[in-house]
Amino acid sequence: MIMIRGVSFSRYFTLCLAALLLALMLAGCGNSAKLSPLPEDATVLAFGDSLTVGVGVEPINSYPAVLAKHININVINAGVSGEVTADGKLRLKDLLTEFTPGLVIICHGGNDFLHRFSMAETETNLREMISHAQSLDVEVLLIGVPKPGIWGRAPDLYKRLAREFKVPLDDQTLGELETDQSMKSDPVHFNKQGYQKMAEAVVALLAEAGAVSASPVN
């Protein structure tokens, strides 16, 4: 029998497999953060840049407009094209005071990446956004934005923030859409189908987090 420091190989293999399974289970819990159910008269603030504005389509086909239709709750499109997180964190404070939403969806950081700003600076700005919202008892849903490139991966900073503040995160959908040319209206922005898919992903995450009732999106 093969022994590894006094432990049989089969026992060692079993322990390693158990550790791996535990790690995978813990990793899978990263998006398990919960939200309070949204009442029918709630306001949701969709905060971000041009992907929130809906550049490339008519306003009615932007993801916030499609989202509002599916969840039957007022969704304010608070996107500003070209905005970086340093400006966004200041604008968000005013919007939270003005609209007092029950939930803010933060989809920001893409322009920082295009300008090659410091990742640490972007993370700090996003941290301030989330922290300020939560200090006002506004719940947060976070959407990870991919860095420019062929892989369409959102930086790990979004996972860190989601864990730190215990907020639901989707860091996959935008990357998948950005690498699918059939979903694009130009090299950066989506077409009608792309924004529809983005809205569907948000609906699914809201349902998973308990903010809305789970229902199929047509």
Foldseek 3Di string as FASTA:
>chain_A
DDDDVNHDPVRVVVVVVVVVVVVVVVVVCLQQFADEADDLAFEEEEEEECLLCQPLEPSCLRLQNLLCVVQVHHYDRHYHHLDALVVRLVVLVVVCVVRVGQEYEYEYHANCLVVVHDPVVSLVSVLSSCVVCVVSNRAYEYEFFAHDDLQLFGDCSQSVSCVVNVHGYDGDLNSVLLNDVVQPSDNRYGHSVSSNSVNQVVLVSNCSNPHGPDDDDD
